[in-house]
Amino acid sequence: RRFFDALPSAPARLRRSTPFDGWKRRRDRAMQLVIALAGLKVSEAIGLLLGEVGQQIDLEGAIELRITPRQKHETSHEHVTSLPREGAVELQAWLRERAEMGIPGDFVFPANTEGRKMIKKTVYMQVRATFERAGIALSRAGGRTLRNTFAQRRLAEGASPSELKDTLGLALERSAADYQYARIEPDRED
């Protein structure tokens, strides 16, 4: 919860005189929520295409994300994950704003108004800054930390390693089982 509270400013909190004012903060907010709540790799988030964002799939407001290897990373596997309502609302607001701005291209989270692909380093710096604003001290704080947390929570909720493998788009079930041991607790100075 502290991480979510420390995300870049929500669209309603910012005054805008043009559609472009503060757009990167809103993009970053939506992207970090998608990574955290759908368990995406950073490469999957920066390579997420407009056509991979589905419609509402349940009464709670979750939407489906159909991840394909196109524009991702060579280790990315095709898979489907759901984005719960909290993330779906932010993502849909971002997509409306992106359309209003007339950003060309297919990337959901473009690097600039020309529609270019973001680089991983930008995402890592943004996620790290969010952890710092939240007061969460981790030796490694990046998109992978959010994915590890997502995976561990799914396992704690009763998902089997096989189900988690499918949700995360992993090649091997044993890779999903490894998430049971992922460290997500803040470093302590005891």
N, C-alpha and C. Protein backbone atom coordinates (compact mmCIF):
# COMPACT_ATOMS: atom_id res chain seq x y z
N ARG A 1 0.82 -1.20 0.00
CA ARG A 1 0.00 0.00 0.00
C ARG A 1 0.86 1.27 0.00
N ARG A 2 1.94 1.25 0.77
CA ARG A 2 2.83 2.43 0.80
C ARG A 2 3.39 2.72 -0.58
N PHE A 3 3.74 1.68 -1.32
CA PHE A 3 4.26 1.88 -2.67
C PHE A 3 3.20 2.55 -3.54
N PHE A 4 1.97 2.04 -3.49
CA PHE A 4 0.89 2.62 -4.31
C PHE A 4 0.61 4.07 -3.92
N ASP A 5 0.67 4.36 -2.64
CA ASP A 5 0.44 5.74 -2.18
C ASP A 5 1.55 6.69 -2.65
N ALA A 6 2.72 6.16 -2.94
CA ALA A 6 3.87 6.98 -3.35
C ALA A 6 4.02 7.10 -4.87
N LEU A 7 3.11 6.51 -5.62
CA LEU A 7 3.18 6.61 -7.08
C LEU A 7 3.12 8.06 -7.53
N PRO A 8 3.64 8.35 -8.74
CA PRO A 8 3.54 9.73 -9.24
C PRO A 8 2.09 10.21 -9.19
N SER A 9 1.93 11.51 -9.14
CA SER A 9 0.62 12.14 -8.96
C SER A 9 -0.46 11.59 -9.89
N ALA A 10 -1.64 11.41 -9.32
CA ALA A 10 -2.79 10.94 -10.09
C ALA A 10 -3.29 12.07 -11.00
N PRO A 11 -3.92 11.74 -12.12
CA PRO A 11 -4.40 12.76 -13.05
C PRO A 11 -5.29 13.81 -12.41
N ALA A 12 -6.14 13.43 -11.48
CA ALA A 12 -7.08 14.38 -10.87
C ALA A 12 -6.36 15.42 -10.00
N ARG A 13 -5.18 15.10 -9.53
CA ARG A 13 -4.46 16.01 -8.63
C ARG A 13 -3.64 17.07 -9.36
N LEU A 14 -3.51 16.93 -10.65
CA LEU A 14 -2.67 17.85 -11.39
C LEU A 14 -3.52 18.82 -12.21
N ARG A 15 -3.15 20.07 -12.18
CA ARG A 15 -3.81 21.05 -13.03
C ARG A 15 -3.10 21.03 -14.38
N ARG A 16 -3.89 21.02 -15.43
CA ARG A 16 -3.31 20.99 -16.76
C ARG A 16 -3.90 22.10 -17.60
N SER A 17 -3.04 22.81 -18.30
CA SER A 17 -3.55 23.80 -19.24
C SER A 17 -3.53 23.23 -20.66
N THR A 18 -2.69 22.21 -20.90
CA THR A 18 -2.69 21.50 -22.17
C THR A 18 -2.68 20.00 -21.87
N PRO A 19 -3.06 19.17 -22.83
CA PRO A 19 -3.04 17.72 -22.60
C PRO A 19 -1.65 17.17 -22.30
N PHE A 20 -0.60 17.96 -22.60
CA PHE A 20 0.76 17.48 -22.44
C PHE A 20 1.36 17.77 -21.07
N ASP A 21 0.74 18.61 -20.27
CA ASP A 21 1.27 18.95 -18.95
C ASP A 21 1.29 17.73 -18.04
N GLY A 22 2.48 17.34 -17.61
CA GLY A 22 2.61 16.23 -16.66
C GLY A 22 2.28 14.86 -17.20
N TRP A 23 2.22 14.70 -18.51
CA TRP A 23 1.78 13.42 -19.07
C TRP A 23 2.71 12.27 -18.70
N LYS A 24 4.01 12.52 -18.56
CA LYS A 24 4.93 11.43 -18.22
C LYS A 24 4.69 10.89 -16.81
N ARG A 25 4.30 11.75 -15.89
CA ARG A 25 3.98 11.27 -14.53
C ARG A 25 2.77 10.34 -14.57
N ARG A 26 1.78 10.70 -15.37
CA ARG A 26 0.59 9.85 -15.47
C ARG A 26 0.89 8.55 -16.20
N ARG A 27 1.73 8.61 -17.21
CA ARG A 27 2.18 7.40 -17.91
C ARG A 27 2.91 6.49 -16.93
N ASP A 28 3.86 7.08 -16.16
CA ASP A 28 4.65 6.29 -15.22
C ASP A 28 3.79 5.67 -14.13
N ARG A 29 2.80 6.42 -13.67
CA ARG A 29 1.88 5.90 -12.66
C ARG A 29 1.14 4.68 -13.19
N ALA A 30 0.57 4.81 -14.37
CA ALA A 30 -0.18 3.70 -14.97
C ALA A 30 0.74 2.50 -15.22
N MET A 31 1.93 2.74 -15.71
CA MET A 31 2.85 1.65 -16.01
C MET A 31 3.27 0.91 -14.74
N GLN A 32 3.58 1.63 -13.69
CA GLN A 32 3.99 0.96 -12.45
C GLN A 32 2.84 0.15 -11.86
N LEU A 33 1.62 0.65 -11.97
CA LEU A 33 0.47 -0.12 -11.50
C LEU A 33 0.29 -1.39 -12.33
N VAL A 34 0.47 -1.29 -13.64
CA VAL A 34 0.34 -2.46 -14.51
C VAL A 34 1.40 -3.51 -14.16
N ILE A 35 2.64 -3.07 -13.97
CA ILE A 35 3.71 -4.02 -13.61
C ILE A 35 3.38 -4.69 -12.28
N ALA A 36 3.00 -3.91 -11.29
CA ALA A 36 2.75 -4.44 -9.94
C ALA A 36 1.51 -5.33 -9.87
N LEU A 37 0.44 -4.93 -10.55
CA LEU A 37 -0.83 -5.63 -10.40
C LEU A 37 -1.08 -6.73 -11.44
N ALA A 38 -0.28 -6.74 -12.51
CA ALA A 38 -0.44 -7.79 -13.53
C ALA A 38 0.79 -8.68 -13.62
N GLY A 39 1.85 -8.34 -12.86
CA GLY A 39 3.03 -9.19 -12.80
C GLY A 39 3.88 -9.17 -14.06
N LEU A 40 3.90 -8.05 -14.76
CA LEU A 40 4.67 -7.98 -16.00
C LEU A 40 6.15 -7.77 -15.74
N LYS A 41 6.97 -8.24 -16.66
CA LYS A 41 8.39 -7.90 -16.70
C LYS A 41 8.46 -6.46 -17.20
N VAL A 42 9.56 -5.79 -16.90
CA VAL A 42 9.76 -4.43 -17.42
C VAL A 42 9.73 -4.46 -18.95
N SER A 43 10.39 -5.45 -19.55
CA SER A 43 10.40 -5.53 -21.02
C SER A 43 8.99 -5.72 -21.58
N GLU A 44 8.14 -6.42 -20.84
CA GLU A 44 6.75 -6.60 -21.29
C GLU A 44 5.95 -5.31 -21.15
N ALA A 45 6.22 -4.54 -20.11
CA ALA A 45 5.51 -3.28 -19.91
C ALA A 45 5.91 -2.25 -20.97
N ILE A 46 7.21 -2.12 -21.23
CA ILE A 46 7.63 -1.12 -22.22
C ILE A 46 7.30 -1.57 -23.64
N GLY A 47 7.13 -2.86 -23.85
CA GLY A 47 6.75 -3.37 -25.16
C GLY A 47 5.27 -3.64 -25.30
N LEU A 48 4.47 -3.32 -24.28
CA LEU A 48 3.03 -3.57 -24.32
C LEU A 48 2.41 -2.77 -25.46
N LEU A 49 1.63 -3.46 -26.28
CA LEU A 49 1.01 -2.84 -27.44
C LEU A 49 -0.47 -2.58 -27.20
N LEU A 50 -0.99 -1.57 -27.86
CA LEU A 50 -2.40 -1.20 -27.69
C LEU A 50 -3.32 -2.39 -27.94
N GLY A 51 -3.03 -3.21 -28.93
CA GLY A 51 -3.86 -4.36 -29.26
C GLY A 51 -3.82 -5.47 -28.24
N GLU A 52 -2.89 -5.40 -27.29
CA GLU A 52 -2.80 -6.43 -26.25
C GLU A 52 -3.63 -6.11 -25.02
N VAL A 53 -4.20 -4.92 -24.98
CA VAL A 53 -5.06 -4.52 -23.86
C VAL A 53 -6.49 -4.89 -24.23
N GLY A 54 -7.06 -5.80 -23.42
CA GLY A 54 -8.40 -6.28 -23.71
C GLY A 54 -9.48 -5.48 -23.01
N GLN A 55 -10.66 -6.03 -23.08
CA GLN A 55 -11.84 -5.43 -22.47
C GLN A 55 -12.03 -5.98 -21.06
N GLN A 56 -13.02 -5.45 -20.37
CA GLN A 56 -13.35 -5.90 -19.02
C GLN A 56 -13.71 -7.38 -19.06
N ILE A 57 -13.16 -8.15 -18.10
CA ILE A 57 -13.39 -9.60 -18.10
C ILE A 57 -14.21 -10.10 -16.93
N ASP A 58 -14.47 -9.24 -15.94
CA ASP A 58 -15.30 -9.68 -14.83
C ASP A 58 -16.09 -8.50 -14.26
N LEU A 59 -16.99 -8.81 -13.36
CA LEU A 59 -17.86 -7.78 -12.79
C LEU A 59 -17.11 -6.79 -11.91
N GLU A 60 -15.95 -7.19 -11.40
CA GLU A 60 -15.16 -6.29 -10.55
C GLU A 60 -14.43 -5.23 -11.36
N GLY A 61 -14.33 -5.38 -12.67
CA GLY A 61 -13.69 -4.38 -13.51
C GLY A 61 -12.30 -4.73 -13.98
N ALA A 62 -11.87 -5.97 -13.79
CA ALA A 62 -10.56 -6.39 -14.28
C ALA A 62 -10.56 -6.43 -15.80
N ILE A 63 -9.40 -6.20 -16.39
CA ILE A 63 -9.25 -6.34 -17.83
C ILE A 63 -8.14 -7.34 -18.12
N GLU A 64 -8.17 -7.89 -19.32
CA GLU A 64 -7.22 -8.90 -19.73
C GLU A 64 -6.09 -8.25 -20.53
N LEU A 65 -4.87 -8.71 -20.27
CA LEU A 65 -3.71 -8.30 -21.04
C LEU A 65 -3.18 -9.55 -21.74
N ARG A 66 -3.12 -9.52 -23.06
CA ARG A 66 -2.62 -10.65 -23.85
C ARG A 66 -1.20 -10.29 -24.29
N ILE A 67 -0.23 -10.85 -23.61
CA ILE A 67 1.17 -10.53 -23.85
C ILE A 67 1.72 -11.43 -24.95
N THR A 68 2.29 -10.80 -25.97
CA THR A 68 2.93 -11.54 -27.06
C THR A 68 4.42 -11.17 -27.07
N PRO A 69 5.25 -12.04 -27.62
CA PRO A 69 6.69 -11.74 -27.66
C PRO A 69 7.04 -10.52 -28.52
N ARG A 70 6.17 -10.12 -29.44
CA ARG A 70 6.45 -9.00 -30.34
C ARG A 70 6.76 -7.73 -29.53
N GLN A 71 7.85 -7.07 -29.84
CA GLN A 71 8.31 -5.83 -29.21
C GLN A 71 8.72 -6.01 -27.74
N LYS A 72 8.91 -7.23 -27.29
CA LYS A 72 9.28 -7.46 -25.89
C LYS A 72 10.75 -7.85 -25.83
N HIS A 73 10.99 -9.02 -25.29
CA HIS A 73 12.34 -9.55 -25.10
C HIS A 73 12.34 -10.97 -25.64
N GLU A 74 13.49 -11.45 -26.08
CA GLU A 74 13.52 -12.80 -26.67
C GLU A 74 13.11 -13.89 -25.69
N THR A 75 13.14 -13.61 -24.39
CA THR A 75 12.71 -14.63 -23.41
C THR A 75 11.24 -14.49 -23.04
N SER A 76 10.55 -13.55 -23.64
CA SER A 76 9.13 -13.37 -23.34
C SER A 76 8.32 -14.46 -24.04
N HIS A 77 7.34 -14.98 -23.34
CA HIS A 77 6.47 -16.02 -23.89
C HIS A 77 5.05 -15.48 -23.93
N GLU A 78 4.31 -15.92 -24.92
CA GLU A 78 2.91 -15.49 -25.03
C GLU A 78 2.15 -15.97 -23.80
N HIS A 79 1.39 -15.07 -23.20
CA HIS A 79 0.57 -15.42 -22.05
C HIS A 79 -0.52 -14.38 -21.84
N VAL A 80 -1.45 -14.73 -20.97
CA VAL A 80 -2.57 -13.84 -20.64
C VAL A 80 -2.55 -13.62 -19.14
N THR A 81 -2.71 -12.38 -18.73
CA THR A 81 -2.81 -12.05 -17.32
C THR A 81 -3.96 -11.06 -17.16
N SER A 82 -4.46 -10.95 -15.97
CA SER A 82 -5.53 -9.97 -15.76
C SER A 82 -5.01 -8.82 -14.90
N LEU A 83 -5.54 -7.66 -15.20
CA LEU A 83 -5.21 -6.45 -14.46
C LEU A 83 -6.44 -6.08 -13.65
N PRO A 84 -6.34 -6.14 -12.30
CA PRO A 84 -7.51 -5.84 -11.48
C PRO A 84 -7.98 -4.39 -11.65
N ARG A 85 -9.18 -4.15 -11.15
CA ARG A 85 -9.86 -2.87 -11.33
C ARG A 85 -8.99 -1.66 -11.03
N GLU A 86 -8.27 -1.65 -9.92
CA GLU A 86 -7.45 -0.50 -9.55
C GLU A 86 -6.47 -0.14 -10.67
N GLY A 87 -5.82 -1.14 -11.23
CA GLY A 87 -4.90 -0.89 -12.34
C GLY A 87 -5.62 -0.61 -13.64
N ALA A 88 -6.75 -1.30 -13.86
CA ALA A 88 -7.51 -1.11 -15.10
C ALA A 88 -8.03 0.31 -15.22
N VAL A 89 -8.51 0.88 -14.13
CA VAL A 89 -9.02 2.26 -14.15
C VAL A 89 -7.90 3.22 -14.55
N GLU A 90 -6.74 3.07 -13.95
CA GLU A 90 -5.60 3.94 -14.27
C GLU A 90 -5.14 3.74 -15.71
N LEU A 91 -5.07 2.48 -16.15
CA LEU A 91 -4.62 2.20 -17.51
C LEU A 91 -5.60 2.77 -18.53
N GLN A 92 -6.89 2.59 -18.30
CA GLN A 92 -7.88 3.12 -19.24
C GLN A 92 -7.84 4.64 -19.28
N ALA A 93 -7.65 5.30 -18.14
CA ALA A 93 -7.52 6.76 -18.11
C ALA A 93 -6.29 7.18 -18.90
N TRP A 94 -5.18 6.47 -18.71
CA TRP A 94 -3.97 6.78 -19.47
C TRP A 94 -4.19 6.60 -20.97
N LEU A 95 -4.86 5.52 -21.37
CA LEU A 95 -5.09 5.26 -22.79
C LEU A 95 -5.96 6.35 -23.42
N ARG A 96 -6.95 6.85 -22.68
CA ARG A 96 -7.77 7.96 -23.18
C ARG A 96 -6.90 9.21 -23.36
N GLU A 97 -6.06 9.49 -22.36
CA GLU A 97 -5.18 10.66 -22.43
C GLU A 97 -4.19 10.51 -23.59
N ARG A 98 -3.64 9.33 -23.74
CA ARG A 98 -2.70 9.06 -24.83
C ARG A 98 -3.35 9.33 -26.18
N ALA A 99 -4.60 8.89 -26.33
CA ALA A 99 -5.34 9.12 -27.58
C ALA A 99 -5.60 10.61 -27.80
N GLU A 100 -5.99 11.33 -26.73
CA GLU A 100 -6.24 12.78 -26.84
C GLU A 100 -4.98 13.53 -27.27
N MET A 101 -3.83 13.05 -26.82
CA MET A 101 -2.57 13.68 -27.18
C MET A 101 -2.16 13.36 -28.62
N GLY A 102 -2.77 12.35 -29.21
CA GLY A 102 -2.46 11.97 -30.59
C GLY A 102 -1.08 11.36 -30.74
N ILE A 103 -0.64 10.61 -29.73
CA ILE A 103 0.68 9.97 -29.81
C ILE A 103 0.60 8.84 -30.83
N PRO A 104 1.48 8.85 -31.83
CA PRO A 104 1.45 7.79 -32.84
C PRO A 104 2.06 6.50 -32.32
N GLY A 105 1.89 5.43 -33.08
CA GLY A 105 2.51 4.15 -32.74
C GLY A 105 1.62 3.28 -31.89
N ASP A 106 2.14 2.10 -31.59
CA ASP A 106 1.38 1.07 -30.89
C ASP A 106 1.76 0.86 -29.44
N PHE A 107 2.80 1.54 -28.94
CA PHE A 107 3.21 1.31 -27.56
C PHE A 107 2.23 1.95 -26.59
N VAL A 108 1.79 1.19 -25.60
CA VAL A 108 0.89 1.70 -24.58
C VAL A 108 1.59 2.79 -23.77
N PHE A 109 2.87 2.56 -23.46
CA PHE A 109 3.65 3.50 -22.65
C PHE A 109 4.82 4.04 -23.47
N PRO A 110 4.58 4.98 -24.38
CA PRO A 110 5.67 5.48 -25.22
C PRO A 110 6.65 6.34 -24.44
N ALA A 111 7.86 6.41 -24.96
CA ALA A 111 8.91 7.21 -24.33
C ALA A 111 8.69 8.70 -24.52
N ASN A 112 8.09 9.05 -25.66
CA ASN A 112 7.92 10.47 -25.98
C ASN A 112 6.67 10.65 -26.84
N THR A 113 6.40 11.87 -27.20
CA THR A 113 5.18 12.17 -27.98
C THR A 113 5.30 11.73 -29.43
N GLU A 114 6.47 11.24 -29.83
CA GLU A 114 6.62 10.66 -31.17
C GLU A 114 6.29 9.16 -31.15
N GLY A 115 6.05 8.59 -29.97
CA GLY A 115 5.65 7.19 -29.86
C GLY A 115 6.79 6.20 -29.78
N ARG A 116 7.98 6.66 -29.52
CA ARG A 116 9.12 5.74 -29.44
C ARG A 116 9.04 4.84 -28.21
N LYS A 117 9.75 3.73 -28.27
CA LYS A 117 9.78 2.76 -27.18
C LYS A 117 10.64 3.27 -26.03
N MET A 118 10.15 3.09 -24.81
CA MET A 118 10.91 3.46 -23.61
C MET A 118 12.10 2.52 -23.45
N ILE A 119 13.06 2.96 -22.66
CA ILE A 119 14.18 2.08 -22.33
C ILE A 119 14.01 1.59 -20.89
N LYS A 120 14.55 0.42 -20.62
CA LYS A 120 14.41 -0.19 -19.29
C LYS A 120 14.94 0.70 -18.18
N LYS A 121 16.05 1.36 -18.43
CA LYS A 121 16.67 2.18 -17.39
C LYS A 121 15.70 3.24 -16.87
N THR A 122 14.93 3.84 -17.76
CA THR A 122 13.95 4.85 -17.34
C THR A 122 12.95 4.25 -16.37
N VAL A 123 12.47 3.06 -16.68
CA VAL A 123 11.48 2.39 -15.81
C VAL A 123 12.11 2.07 -14.46
N TYR A 124 13.31 1.53 -14.46
CA TYR A 124 13.97 1.20 -13.20
C TYR A 124 14.16 2.44 -12.33
N MET A 125 14.55 3.54 -12.94
CA MET A 125 14.74 4.77 -12.17
C MET A 125 13.41 5.26 -11.59
N GLN A 126 12.33 5.17 -12.37
CA GLN A 126 11.02 5.61 -11.89
C GLN A 126 10.52 4.73 -10.75
N VAL A 127 10.66 3.42 -10.89
CA VAL A 127 10.21 2.51 -9.83
C VAL A 127 11.04 2.72 -8.57
N ARG A 128 12.34 2.86 -8.73
CA ARG A 128 13.21 3.10 -7.57
C ARG A 128 12.80 4.39 -6.85
N ALA A 129 12.49 5.44 -7.61
CA ALA A 129 12.06 6.70 -7.01
C ALA A 129 10.76 6.52 -6.24
N THR A 130 9.86 5.69 -6.73
CA THR A 130 8.61 5.43 -6.02
C THR A 130 8.88 4.71 -4.71
N PHE A 131 9.77 3.71 -4.73
CA PHE A 131 10.13 3.03 -3.49
C PHE A 131 10.73 4.02 -2.49
N GLU A 132 11.58 4.91 -2.97
CA GLU A 132 12.19 5.90 -2.08
C GLU A 132 11.14 6.83 -1.48
N ARG A 133 10.20 7.33 -2.31
CA ARG A 133 9.13 8.20 -1.79
C ARG A 133 8.29 7.46 -0.75
N ALA A 134 8.14 6.16 -0.94
CA ALA A 134 7.35 5.35 -0.01
C ALA A 134 8.11 5.04 1.28
N GLY A 135 9.40 5.32 1.29
CA GLY A 135 10.20 5.01 2.47
C GLY A 135 10.48 3.53 2.61
N ILE A 136 10.50 2.82 1.50
CA ILE A 136 10.77 1.38 1.50
C ILE A 136 12.20 1.19 1.02
N ALA A 137 13.05 0.74 1.92
CA ALA A 137 14.47 0.55 1.60
C ALA A 137 14.72 -0.89 1.18
N LEU A 138 15.08 -1.06 -0.07
CA LEU A 138 15.42 -2.37 -0.61
C LEU A 138 16.78 -2.27 -1.29
N SER A 139 17.57 -3.34 -1.19
CA SER A 139 18.87 -3.31 -1.87
C SER A 139 18.67 -3.30 -3.38
N ARG A 140 17.64 -3.97 -3.85
CA ARG A 140 17.29 -3.97 -5.27
C ARG A 140 15.83 -3.58 -5.37
N ALA A 141 15.59 -2.41 -5.88
CA ALA A 141 14.21 -1.92 -5.98
C ALA A 141 13.94 -1.53 -7.42
N GLY A 142 13.26 -2.40 -8.13
CA GLY A 142 12.94 -2.12 -9.52
C GLY A 142 11.70 -2.88 -9.93
N GLY A 143 11.48 -2.92 -11.22
CA GLY A 143 10.32 -3.62 -11.75
C GLY A 143 10.30 -5.09 -11.37
N ARG A 144 11.47 -5.69 -11.28
CA ARG A 144 11.55 -7.10 -10.90
C ARG A 144 11.03 -7.31 -9.48
N THR A 145 11.26 -6.35 -8.60
CA THR A 145 10.75 -6.43 -7.23
C THR A 145 9.23 -6.46 -7.24
N LEU A 146 8.62 -5.65 -8.11
CA LEU A 146 7.15 -5.65 -8.22
C LEU A 146 6.65 -6.98 -8.74
N ARG A 147 7.34 -7.55 -9.71
CA ARG A 147 6.95 -8.86 -10.27
C ARG A 147 7.10 -9.95 -9.22
N ASN A 148 8.20 -9.92 -8.45
CA ASN A 148 8.39 -10.90 -7.38
C ASN A 148 7.27 -10.83 -6.36
N THR A 149 6.89 -9.61 -6.00
CA THR A 149 5.81 -9.41 -5.03
C THR A 149 4.50 -9.95 -5.57
N PHE A 150 4.20 -9.65 -6.83
CA PHE A 150 2.99 -10.16 -7.47
C PHE A 150 2.97 -11.69 -7.41
N ALA A 151 4.09 -12.30 -7.80
CA ALA A 151 4.17 -13.77 -7.84
C ALA A 151 4.01 -14.38 -6.45
N GLN A 152 4.69 -13.80 -5.46
CA GLN A 152 4.59 -14.36 -4.12
C GLN A 152 3.16 -14.23 -3.58
N ARG A 153 2.52 -13.12 -3.87
CA ARG A 153 1.12 -12.94 -3.42
C ARG A 153 0.20 -13.96 -4.07
N ARG A 154 0.39 -14.22 -5.35
CA ARG A 154 -0.45 -15.21 -6.04
C ARG A 154 -0.27 -16.59 -5.41
N LEU A 155 0.97 -16.94 -5.12
CA LEU A 155 1.22 -18.23 -4.47
C LEU A 155 0.59 -18.27 -3.08
N ALA A 156 0.69 -17.18 -2.33
CA ALA A 156 0.10 -17.13 -0.99
C ALA A 156 -1.42 -17.22 -1.04
N GLU A 157 -2.01 -16.73 -2.15
CA GLU A 157 -3.46 -16.80 -2.32
C GLU A 157 -3.92 -18.18 -2.79
N GLY A 158 -2.96 -19.09 -3.01
CA GLY A 158 -3.31 -20.46 -3.36
C GLY A 158 -3.07 -20.85 -4.80
N ALA A 159 -2.50 -19.98 -5.60
CA ALA A 159 -2.19 -20.35 -6.99
C ALA A 159 -1.12 -21.43 -6.99
N SER A 160 -1.24 -22.37 -7.88
CA SER A 160 -0.22 -23.41 -8.00
C SER A 160 0.93 -22.87 -8.86
N PRO A 161 2.11 -23.47 -8.74
CA PRO A 161 3.22 -23.05 -9.60
C PRO A 161 2.85 -23.15 -11.09
N SER A 162 2.04 -24.13 -11.45
CA SER A 162 1.61 -24.27 -12.84
C SER A 162 0.75 -23.08 -13.28
N GLU A 163 -0.18 -22.67 -12.43
CA GLU A 163 -1.02 -21.50 -12.74
C GLU A 163 -0.16 -20.24 -12.82
N LEU A 164 0.77 -20.10 -11.90
CA LEU A 164 1.64 -18.92 -11.89
C LEU A 164 2.52 -18.90 -13.13
N LYS A 165 3.02 -20.06 -13.54
CA LYS A 165 3.82 -20.17 -14.77
C LYS A 165 3.05 -19.59 -15.95
N ASP A 166 1.78 -19.96 -16.06
CA ASP A 166 0.95 -19.47 -17.17
C ASP A 166 0.68 -17.98 -17.06
N THR A 167 0.39 -17.49 -15.86
CA THR A 167 0.09 -16.08 -15.65
C THR A 167 1.30 -15.20 -15.95
N LEU A 168 2.49 -15.65 -15.55
CA LEU A 168 3.70 -14.85 -15.75
C LEU A 168 4.36 -15.08 -17.10
N GLY A 169 3.89 -16.10 -17.84
CA GLY A 169 4.50 -16.39 -19.13
C GLY A 169 5.88 -17.00 -19.01
N LEU A 170 6.05 -17.85 -18.02
CA LEU A 170 7.35 -18.51 -17.81
C LEU A 170 7.43 -19.79 -18.63
N ALA A 171 8.63 -20.19 -19.00
CA ALA A 171 8.82 -21.40 -19.79
C ALA A 171 8.71 -22.66 -18.93
N LEU A 172 9.17 -22.56 -17.67
CA LEU A 172 9.24 -23.74 -16.81
C LEU A 172 8.46 -23.55 -15.52
N GLU A 173 7.80 -24.60 -15.09
CA GLU A 173 7.05 -24.54 -13.82
C GLU A 173 7.98 -24.34 -12.64
N ARG A 174 9.18 -24.90 -12.70
CA ARG A 174 10.12 -24.73 -11.58
C ARG A 174 10.51 -23.27 -11.40
N SER A 175 10.47 -22.49 -12.48
CA SER A 175 10.75 -21.06 -12.36
C SER A 175 9.67 -20.37 -11.54
N ALA A 176 8.44 -20.80 -11.69
CA ALA A 176 7.34 -20.25 -10.90
C ALA A 176 7.48 -20.65 -9.44
N ALA A 177 7.89 -21.88 -9.19
CA ALA A 177 8.07 -22.34 -7.81
C ALA A 177 9.15 -21.54 -7.11
N ASP A 178 10.16 -21.08 -7.85
CA ASP A 178 11.24 -20.27 -7.26
C ASP A 178 10.72 -18.98 -6.64
N TYR A 179 9.60 -18.47 -7.12
CA TYR A 179 9.05 -17.23 -6.58
C TYR A 179 8.62 -17.37 -5.12
N GLN A 180 8.41 -18.59 -4.66
CA GLN A 180 8.06 -18.79 -3.25
C GLN A 180 9.16 -18.28 -2.34
N TYR A 181 10.37 -18.21 -2.87
CA TYR A 181 11.52 -17.83 -2.07
C TYR A 181 12.02 -16.42 -2.38
N ALA A 182 11.31 -15.71 -3.23
CA ALA A 182 11.72 -14.34 -3.58
C ALA A 182 11.63 -13.46 -2.35
N ARG A 183 12.64 -12.66 -2.15
CA ARG A 183 12.68 -11.78 -0.98
C ARG A 183 11.99 -10.46 -1.32
N ILE A 184 10.94 -10.12 -0.58
CA ILE A 184 10.25 -8.86 -0.83
C ILE A 184 10.20 -7.98 0.38
N GLU A 185 10.70 -8.44 1.51
CA GLU A 185 10.69 -7.63 2.72
C GLU A 185 11.76 -6.57 2.65
N PRO A 186 11.50 -5.37 3.15
CA PRO A 186 12.53 -4.34 3.17
C PRO A 186 13.75 -4.78 3.97
N ASP A 187 14.92 -4.29 3.55
CA ASP A 187 16.13 -4.58 4.32
C ASP A 187 15.98 -3.95 5.70
N ARG A 188 16.45 -4.63 6.69
CA ARG A 188 16.35 -4.13 8.06
C ARG A 188 17.73 -3.83 8.60
N GLU A 189 17.81 -2.83 9.39
CA GLU A 189 19.08 -2.48 10.03
C GLU A 189 19.01 -2.90 11.49
N ASP A 190 19.08 -4.18 11.74
CA ASP A 190 19.02 -4.72 13.10
C ASP A 190 20.39 -4.97 13.66
